[in-house]
Amino acid sequence: MTLPRLTNPRFQTEQGFRVTVQVPELHSQKIIDAVLAVANLKYGDYDRVTFSTDSGSQQFRSLGSGRNAATDDVMAVPCVEVSFFLPDDEADTIKVLTQVYAAHPYEEPVVFVAPCLRCLHVRGTDEDNPNRFWNSDPEDWVPHEHR
């Protein structure tokens, strides 16, 4: 799939992969830590950038062809989705996915790797924008170091 360049003065784009991993919530930080052991997950002027959803429900039924016995009914497990961006580098992506599989508690983890285009700000642009957190009273989510 060919992704557009979206050339403009406000942001720049970079091609890569959006990785999404469904995992029981108690194991989500273990997945993130495993990924960070081999990738810094840099996003512009920041690193270690990941996203986790609120808990949802993942459903499955074992067919019995793997390690686990077949189940008659569908099982439901509370899970979150952890996602992050990887630059378009096959060797590094394989390293990261290998870490995900090693740290995941499932026999068959649900992992999606999709080509994507991320947008990165042009440093120094729009810094006087009144919507930027540093141009208003600090909100609760703003780290103390940035107030």
N, C-alpha and C. Protein backbone atom coordinates (compact mmCIF):
# COMPACT_ATOMS: atom_id res chain seq x y z
N MET A 1 0.84 -1.17 0.00
CA MET A 1 0.00 0.00 0.00
C MET A 1 0.89 1.24 0.00
N THR A 2 0.59 2.16 -0.86
CA THR A 2 1.34 3.41 -0.93
C THR A 2 0.63 4.45 -0.07
N LEU A 3 1.37 5.03 0.85
CA LEU A 3 0.81 6.05 1.74
C LEU A 3 1.17 7.43 1.21
N PRO A 4 0.28 8.42 1.41
CA PRO A 4 0.56 9.76 0.90
C PRO A 4 1.68 10.44 1.69
N ARG A 5 2.28 11.46 1.10
CA ARG A 5 3.34 12.21 1.77
C ARG A 5 2.77 13.34 2.62
N LEU A 6 1.66 13.94 2.20
CA LEU A 6 1.00 15.03 2.93
C LEU A 6 1.96 16.19 3.21
N THR A 7 2.68 16.60 2.21
CA THR A 7 3.67 17.67 2.33
C THR A 7 2.99 18.98 2.72
N ASN A 8 3.50 19.62 3.79
CA ASN A 8 2.95 20.88 4.28
C ASN A 8 3.94 21.48 5.28
N PRO A 9 3.77 22.75 5.66
CA PRO A 9 4.73 23.39 6.57
C PRO A 9 4.47 23.13 8.06
N ARG A 10 3.32 22.58 8.44
CA ARG A 10 2.96 22.44 9.86
C ARG A 10 3.45 21.15 10.49
N PHE A 11 3.47 20.07 9.74
CA PHE A 11 3.92 18.78 10.26
C PHE A 11 4.62 17.99 9.16
N GLN A 12 5.42 17.03 9.58
CA GLN A 12 6.07 16.15 8.62
C GLN A 12 5.57 14.73 8.87
N THR A 13 5.65 13.89 7.88
CA THR A 13 5.14 12.53 8.03
C THR A 13 6.27 11.51 7.92
N GLU A 14 6.02 10.36 8.50
CA GLU A 14 6.98 9.25 8.46
C GLU A 14 6.20 7.95 8.32
N GLN A 15 6.64 7.11 7.39
CA GLN A 15 6.00 5.81 7.22
C GLN A 15 6.55 4.80 8.21
N GLY A 16 5.69 3.91 8.64
CA GLY A 16 6.10 2.87 9.56
C GLY A 16 4.95 1.92 9.82
N PHE A 17 4.91 1.37 11.03
CA PHE A 17 3.90 0.38 11.40
C PHE A 17 3.24 0.76 12.72
N ARG A 18 1.95 0.57 12.77
CA ARG A 18 1.22 0.67 14.04
C ARG A 18 1.04 -0.76 14.52
N VAL A 19 1.60 -1.05 15.67
CA VAL A 19 1.50 -2.37 16.28
C VAL A 19 0.46 -2.30 17.38
N THR A 20 -0.50 -3.21 17.35
CA THR A 20 -1.54 -3.29 18.37
C THR A 20 -1.53 -4.70 18.93
N VAL A 21 -1.46 -4.81 20.26
CA VAL A 21 -1.41 -6.10 20.94
C VAL A 21 -2.56 -6.18 21.93
N GLN A 22 -3.39 -7.21 21.82
CA GLN A 22 -4.43 -7.45 22.82
C GLN A 22 -3.84 -8.34 23.90
N VAL A 23 -4.00 -7.92 25.17
CA VAL A 23 -3.35 -8.64 26.27
C VAL A 23 -4.17 -8.45 27.54
N PRO A 24 -4.24 -9.48 28.40
CA PRO A 24 -4.88 -9.26 29.70
C PRO A 24 -4.20 -8.08 30.39
N GLU A 25 -5.02 -7.21 31.01
CA GLU A 25 -4.51 -5.95 31.56
C GLU A 25 -3.34 -6.14 32.51
N LEU A 26 -3.36 -7.17 33.32
CA LEU A 26 -2.27 -7.39 34.28
C LEU A 26 -0.93 -7.66 33.60
N HIS A 27 -0.96 -8.01 32.32
CA HIS A 27 0.27 -8.31 31.58
C HIS A 27 0.69 -7.17 30.64
N SER A 28 -0.09 -6.09 30.59
CA SER A 28 0.20 -5.05 29.61
C SER A 28 1.54 -4.37 29.85
N GLN A 29 1.88 -4.07 31.10
CA GLN A 29 3.17 -3.42 31.36
C GLN A 29 4.32 -4.36 31.04
N LYS A 30 4.13 -5.66 31.21
CA LYS A 30 5.17 -6.63 30.85
C LYS A 30 5.44 -6.59 29.34
N ILE A 31 4.39 -6.45 28.55
CA ILE A 31 4.56 -6.33 27.10
C ILE A 31 5.31 -5.04 26.77
N ILE A 32 4.89 -3.94 27.38
CA ILE A 32 5.55 -2.65 27.13
C ILE A 32 7.02 -2.71 27.52
N ASP A 33 7.32 -3.28 28.68
CA ASP A 33 8.71 -3.38 29.14
C ASP A 33 9.54 -4.24 28.19
N ALA A 34 8.95 -5.32 27.68
CA ALA A 34 9.66 -6.19 26.74
C ALA A 34 9.98 -5.45 25.44
N VAL A 35 9.03 -4.67 24.97
CA VAL A 35 9.25 -3.90 23.74
C VAL A 35 10.33 -2.84 23.98
N LEU A 36 10.25 -2.16 25.12
CA LEU A 36 11.23 -1.10 25.41
C LEU A 36 12.64 -1.65 25.62
N ALA A 37 12.77 -2.93 25.87
CA ALA A 37 14.09 -3.54 26.00
C ALA A 37 14.84 -3.55 24.67
N VAL A 38 14.09 -3.46 23.55
CA VAL A 38 14.74 -3.50 22.23
C VAL A 38 14.42 -2.30 21.34
N ALA A 39 13.50 -1.44 21.78
CA ALA A 39 13.12 -0.27 20.96
C ALA A 39 12.81 0.90 21.89
N ASN A 40 13.24 2.08 21.51
CA ASN A 40 13.00 3.24 22.37
C ASN A 40 11.64 3.89 22.13
N LEU A 41 10.94 3.50 21.08
CA LEU A 41 9.61 4.02 20.74
C LEU A 41 9.60 5.56 20.75
N LYS A 42 10.56 6.09 20.02
CA LYS A 42 10.70 7.55 19.91
C LYS A 42 9.57 8.11 19.06
N TYR A 43 9.04 9.24 19.51
CA TYR A 43 7.99 9.95 18.77
C TYR A 43 8.32 11.43 18.85
N GLY A 44 8.98 11.93 17.83
CA GLY A 44 9.41 13.32 17.83
C GLY A 44 10.38 13.61 18.95
N ASP A 45 10.02 14.53 19.83
CA ASP A 45 10.88 14.93 20.94
C ASP A 45 10.65 14.10 22.20
N TYR A 46 9.98 12.97 22.07
CA TYR A 46 9.65 12.11 23.21
C TYR A 46 10.03 10.67 22.87
N ASP A 47 10.20 9.86 23.90
CA ASP A 47 10.39 8.43 23.64
C ASP A 47 9.54 7.64 24.63
N ARG A 48 9.57 6.31 24.49
CA ARG A 48 8.78 5.40 25.32
C ARG A 48 7.28 5.69 25.18
N VAL A 49 6.86 6.04 23.96
CA VAL A 49 5.48 6.45 23.69
C VAL A 49 4.64 5.23 23.33
N THR A 50 3.68 4.94 24.21
CA THR A 50 2.74 3.83 24.00
C THR A 50 1.34 4.30 24.36
N PHE A 51 0.35 3.52 23.99
CA PHE A 51 -1.03 3.81 24.34
C PHE A 51 -1.70 2.52 24.77
N SER A 52 -2.50 2.59 25.82
CA SER A 52 -3.29 1.44 26.27
C SER A 52 -4.75 1.87 26.39
N THR A 53 -5.63 1.01 25.92
CA THR A 53 -7.06 1.28 26.04
C THR A 53 -7.55 0.90 27.43
N ASP A 54 -8.78 1.29 27.75
CA ASP A 54 -9.45 0.75 28.92
C ASP A 54 -9.73 -0.72 28.64
N SER A 55 -10.02 -1.44 29.69
CA SER A 55 -10.29 -2.87 29.55
C SER A 55 -11.55 -3.12 28.74
N GLY A 56 -11.45 -4.09 27.87
CA GLY A 56 -12.57 -4.56 27.07
C GLY A 56 -12.64 -6.07 27.22
N SER A 57 -13.33 -6.72 26.32
CA SER A 57 -13.48 -8.17 26.41
C SER A 57 -13.01 -8.83 25.13
N GLN A 58 -12.04 -9.72 25.25
CA GLN A 58 -11.58 -10.50 24.12
C GLN A 58 -12.24 -11.88 24.22
N GLN A 59 -12.78 -12.37 23.12
CA GLN A 59 -13.46 -13.67 23.12
C GLN A 59 -12.74 -14.65 22.20
N PHE A 60 -12.79 -15.93 22.57
CA PHE A 60 -12.21 -16.96 21.73
C PHE A 60 -12.76 -18.33 22.15
N ARG A 61 -12.56 -19.29 21.26
CA ARG A 61 -12.89 -20.68 21.55
C ARG A 61 -11.72 -21.51 21.05
N SER A 62 -11.16 -22.32 21.91
CA SER A 62 -10.03 -23.15 21.52
C SER A 62 -10.50 -24.27 20.61
N LEU A 63 -9.80 -24.45 19.49
CA LEU A 63 -10.14 -25.52 18.55
C LEU A 63 -9.51 -26.85 18.93
N GLY A 64 -8.59 -26.83 19.89
CA GLY A 64 -7.94 -28.06 20.32
C GLY A 64 -6.77 -28.48 19.46
N SER A 65 -6.42 -27.69 18.47
CA SER A 65 -5.31 -28.05 17.59
C SER A 65 -3.97 -27.52 18.10
N GLY A 66 -3.99 -26.69 19.14
CA GLY A 66 -2.77 -26.16 19.73
C GLY A 66 -2.49 -26.84 21.06
N ARG A 67 -1.84 -26.14 21.94
CA ARG A 67 -1.44 -26.66 23.26
C ARG A 67 -2.64 -26.96 24.15
N ASN A 68 -3.71 -26.16 24.02
CA ASN A 68 -4.85 -26.28 24.91
C ASN A 68 -5.97 -27.14 24.33
N ALA A 69 -6.69 -27.79 25.21
CA ALA A 69 -7.81 -28.64 24.81
C ALA A 69 -8.91 -27.79 24.17
N ALA A 70 -9.70 -28.41 23.33
CA ALA A 70 -10.83 -27.73 22.70
C ALA A 70 -11.83 -27.32 23.77
N THR A 71 -12.48 -26.20 23.56
CA THR A 71 -13.55 -25.77 24.47
C THR A 71 -14.85 -25.72 23.69
N ASP A 72 -15.92 -26.11 24.34
CA ASP A 72 -17.23 -26.09 23.69
C ASP A 72 -17.76 -24.67 23.56
N ASP A 73 -17.50 -23.87 24.58
CA ASP A 73 -18.05 -22.53 24.62
C ASP A 73 -16.98 -21.47 24.36
N VAL A 74 -17.47 -20.32 24.00
CA VAL A 74 -16.59 -19.17 23.82
C VAL A 74 -16.16 -18.67 25.19
N MET A 75 -14.89 -18.38 25.34
CA MET A 75 -14.34 -17.84 26.57
C MET A 75 -14.21 -16.32 26.41
N ALA A 76 -14.35 -15.60 27.49
CA ALA A 76 -14.17 -14.15 27.46
C ALA A 76 -13.12 -13.77 28.49
N VAL A 77 -12.17 -12.96 28.08
CA VAL A 77 -11.07 -12.53 28.95
C VAL A 77 -11.01 -11.00 28.91
N PRO A 78 -11.00 -10.35 30.08
CA PRO A 78 -10.82 -8.89 30.09
C PRO A 78 -9.41 -8.56 29.56
N CYS A 79 -9.35 -7.73 28.54
CA CYS A 79 -8.06 -7.37 27.91
C CYS A 79 -8.01 -5.89 27.60
N VAL A 80 -6.80 -5.40 27.41
CA VAL A 80 -6.57 -4.05 26.89
C VAL A 80 -5.85 -4.19 25.56
N GLU A 81 -5.81 -3.11 24.82
CA GLU A 81 -4.97 -3.06 23.63
C GLU A 81 -3.84 -2.09 23.91
N VAL A 82 -2.63 -2.55 23.68
CA VAL A 82 -1.43 -1.72 23.78
C VAL A 82 -1.01 -1.45 22.34
N SER A 83 -0.76 -0.18 22.02
CA SER A 83 -0.33 0.14 20.66
C SER A 83 0.84 1.12 20.69
N PHE A 84 1.61 1.08 19.60
CA PHE A 84 2.77 1.96 19.47
C PHE A 84 3.18 1.99 18.01
N PHE A 85 4.03 2.95 17.67
CA PHE A 85 4.53 3.13 16.32
C PHE A 85 5.95 2.61 16.20
N LEU A 86 6.24 1.94 15.09
CA LEU A 86 7.61 1.52 14.77
C LEU A 86 7.99 2.09 13.41
N PRO A 87 9.19 2.65 13.28
CA PRO A 87 9.66 3.07 11.97
C PRO A 87 9.70 1.88 11.01
N ASP A 88 9.67 2.18 9.74
CA ASP A 88 9.65 1.15 8.69
C ASP A 88 11.03 0.49 8.58
N ASP A 89 11.30 -0.45 9.47
CA ASP A 89 12.57 -1.19 9.49
C ASP A 89 12.25 -2.64 9.82
N GLU A 90 12.40 -3.50 8.84
CA GLU A 90 11.98 -4.90 9.00
C GLU A 90 12.72 -5.61 10.13
N ALA A 91 14.03 -5.46 10.21
CA ALA A 91 14.81 -6.16 11.24
C ALA A 91 14.39 -5.71 12.64
N ASP A 92 14.22 -4.40 12.84
CA ASP A 92 13.82 -3.90 14.15
C ASP A 92 12.39 -4.33 14.49
N THR A 93 11.51 -4.34 13.51
CA THR A 93 10.12 -4.76 13.74
C THR A 93 10.08 -6.23 14.15
N ILE A 94 10.88 -7.06 13.52
CA ILE A 94 10.94 -8.48 13.89
C ILE A 94 11.45 -8.63 15.32
N LYS A 95 12.46 -7.85 15.71
CA LYS A 95 12.97 -7.89 17.09
C LYS A 95 11.87 -7.55 18.09
N VAL A 96 11.12 -6.50 17.80
CA VAL A 96 10.04 -6.07 18.69
C VAL A 96 8.95 -7.14 18.78
N LEU A 97 8.53 -7.67 17.65
CA LEU A 97 7.47 -8.68 17.65
C LEU A 97 7.92 -9.96 18.35
N THR A 98 9.18 -10.31 18.22
CA THR A 98 9.72 -11.47 18.93
C THR A 98 9.61 -11.25 20.43
N GLN A 99 9.91 -10.04 20.89
CA GLN A 99 9.78 -9.71 22.31
C GLN A 99 8.32 -9.79 22.77
N VAL A 100 7.40 -9.32 21.94
CA VAL A 100 5.98 -9.39 22.28
C VAL A 100 5.57 -10.85 22.48
N TYR A 101 5.93 -11.70 21.55
CA TYR A 101 5.57 -13.12 21.66
C TYR A 101 6.21 -13.77 22.89
N ALA A 102 7.43 -13.39 23.21
CA ALA A 102 8.11 -13.98 24.37
C ALA A 102 7.46 -13.56 25.68
N ALA A 103 6.93 -12.33 25.75
CA ALA A 103 6.38 -11.80 27.00
C ALA A 103 4.88 -12.06 27.16
N HIS A 104 4.21 -12.41 26.09
CA HIS A 104 2.74 -12.56 26.12
C HIS A 104 2.34 -13.87 26.76
N PRO A 105 1.27 -13.88 27.59
CA PRO A 105 0.87 -15.13 28.26
C PRO A 105 0.11 -16.11 27.37
N TYR A 106 -0.31 -15.69 26.18
CA TYR A 106 -1.12 -16.57 25.31
C TYR A 106 -0.24 -17.44 24.42
N GLU A 107 -0.82 -18.56 24.01
CA GLU A 107 -0.21 -19.39 22.98
C GLU A 107 -0.28 -18.66 21.63
N GLU A 108 -1.41 -18.05 21.36
CA GLU A 108 -1.63 -17.34 20.09
C GLU A 108 -2.06 -15.90 20.37
N PRO A 109 -1.09 -15.02 20.66
CA PRO A 109 -1.45 -13.63 20.94
C PRO A 109 -2.11 -12.98 19.73
N VAL A 110 -3.02 -12.06 20.00
CA VAL A 110 -3.63 -11.27 18.94
C VAL A 110 -2.76 -10.02 18.76
N VAL A 111 -2.06 -9.99 17.63
CA VAL A 111 -1.12 -8.91 17.33
C VAL A 111 -1.42 -8.43 15.91
N PHE A 112 -1.62 -7.14 15.76
CA PHE A 112 -1.85 -6.56 14.44
C PHE A 112 -0.69 -5.63 14.12
N VAL A 113 -0.19 -5.72 12.90
CA VAL A 113 0.86 -4.82 12.41
C VAL A 113 0.31 -4.22 11.12
N ALA A 114 0.08 -2.91 11.16
CA ALA A 114 -0.52 -2.23 10.01
C ALA A 114 0.38 -1.11 9.53
N PRO A 115 0.56 -1.00 8.21
CA PRO A 115 1.32 0.14 7.71
C PRO A 115 0.57 1.42 8.04
N CYS A 116 1.32 2.44 8.44
CA CYS A 116 0.66 3.70 8.76
C CYS A 116 1.59 4.86 8.50
N LEU A 117 1.02 6.03 8.58
CA LEU A 117 1.74 7.27 8.41
C LEU A 117 1.56 8.06 9.69
N ARG A 118 2.66 8.40 10.35
CA ARG A 118 2.52 9.23 11.55
C ARG A 118 2.90 10.66 11.21
N CYS A 119 2.32 11.57 11.96
CA CYS A 119 2.59 13.00 11.78
C CYS A 119 3.43 13.49 12.96
N LEU A 120 4.46 14.24 12.66
CA LEU A 120 5.34 14.82 13.68
C LEU A 120 5.36 16.33 13.50
N HIS A 121 5.29 17.06 14.60
CA HIS A 121 5.27 18.52 14.53
C HIS A 121 6.60 19.04 13.97
N VAL A 122 6.54 20.22 13.43
CA VAL A 122 7.75 20.92 13.03
C VAL A 122 8.15 21.76 14.25
N ARG A 123 9.29 21.41 14.85
CA ARG A 123 9.75 22.05 16.09
C ARG A 123 9.74 23.58 15.95
N GLY A 124 9.21 24.25 16.97
CA GLY A 124 9.17 25.70 17.01
C GLY A 124 7.95 26.31 16.33
N THR A 125 7.14 25.51 15.69
CA THR A 125 5.97 26.01 14.99
C THR A 125 4.78 26.09 15.96
N ASP A 126 4.06 27.19 15.91
CA ASP A 126 2.77 27.28 16.61
C ASP A 126 2.91 27.27 18.13
N GLU A 127 4.08 27.67 18.67
CA GLU A 127 4.28 27.59 20.12
C GLU A 127 3.45 28.60 20.91
N ASP A 128 2.97 29.66 20.25
CA ASP A 128 2.14 30.64 20.94
C ASP A 128 0.64 30.31 20.85
N ASN A 129 0.31 29.18 20.31
CA ASN A 129 -1.08 28.74 20.18
C ASN A 129 -1.72 28.68 21.57
N PRO A 130 -2.86 29.34 21.79
CA PRO A 130 -3.49 29.34 23.12
C PRO A 130 -3.98 27.95 23.56
N ASN A 131 -4.07 27.01 22.65
CA ASN A 131 -4.51 25.66 23.00
C ASN A 131 -3.37 24.80 23.57
N ARG A 132 -2.13 25.22 23.44
CA ARG A 132 -1.01 24.46 24.00
C ARG A 132 -1.06 24.55 25.52
N PHE A 133 -0.77 23.45 26.18
CA PHE A 133 -0.92 23.41 27.64
C PHE A 133 -0.04 24.42 28.36
N TRP A 134 1.10 24.76 27.77
CA TRP A 134 2.01 25.70 28.45
C TRP A 134 1.53 27.15 28.35
N ASN A 135 0.50 27.41 27.54
CA ASN A 135 -0.04 28.76 27.40
C ASN A 135 -1.32 28.97 28.21
N SER A 136 -1.57 28.12 29.17
CA SER A 136 -2.76 28.26 30.02
C SER A 136 -2.46 27.69 31.41
N ASP A 137 -3.42 27.81 32.30
CA ASP A 137 -3.24 27.24 33.63
C ASP A 137 -3.04 25.74 33.51
N PRO A 138 -2.12 25.16 34.30
CA PRO A 138 -1.83 23.72 34.17
C PRO A 138 -3.03 22.86 34.57
N GLU A 139 -3.27 21.86 33.77
CA GLU A 139 -4.32 20.88 34.06
C GLU A 139 -3.70 19.72 34.82
N ASP A 140 -4.54 18.89 35.42
CA ASP A 140 -4.06 17.78 36.24
C ASP A 140 -3.13 16.82 35.50
N TRP A 141 -3.35 16.63 34.21
CA TRP A 141 -2.56 15.66 33.46
C TRP A 141 -1.16 16.17 33.10
N VAL A 142 -0.91 17.45 33.25
CA VAL A 142 0.40 18.01 32.89
C VAL A 142 1.42 17.60 33.95
N PRO A 143 2.52 16.95 33.53
CA PRO A 143 3.55 16.56 34.51
C PRO A 143 4.07 17.77 35.29
N HIS A 144 4.35 17.56 36.55
CA HIS A 144 4.83 18.63 37.43
C HIS A 144 6.04 19.35 36.83
N GLU A 145 6.94 18.60 36.18
CA GLU A 145 8.16 19.17 35.60
C GLU A 145 7.85 20.15 34.45
N HIS A 146 6.64 20.09 33.89
CA HIS A 146 6.30 20.94 32.76
C HIS A 146 5.42 22.14 33.13
N ARG A 147 5.18 22.30 34.43
CA ARG A 147 4.32 23.41 34.87
C ARG A 147 5.12 24.67 35.10
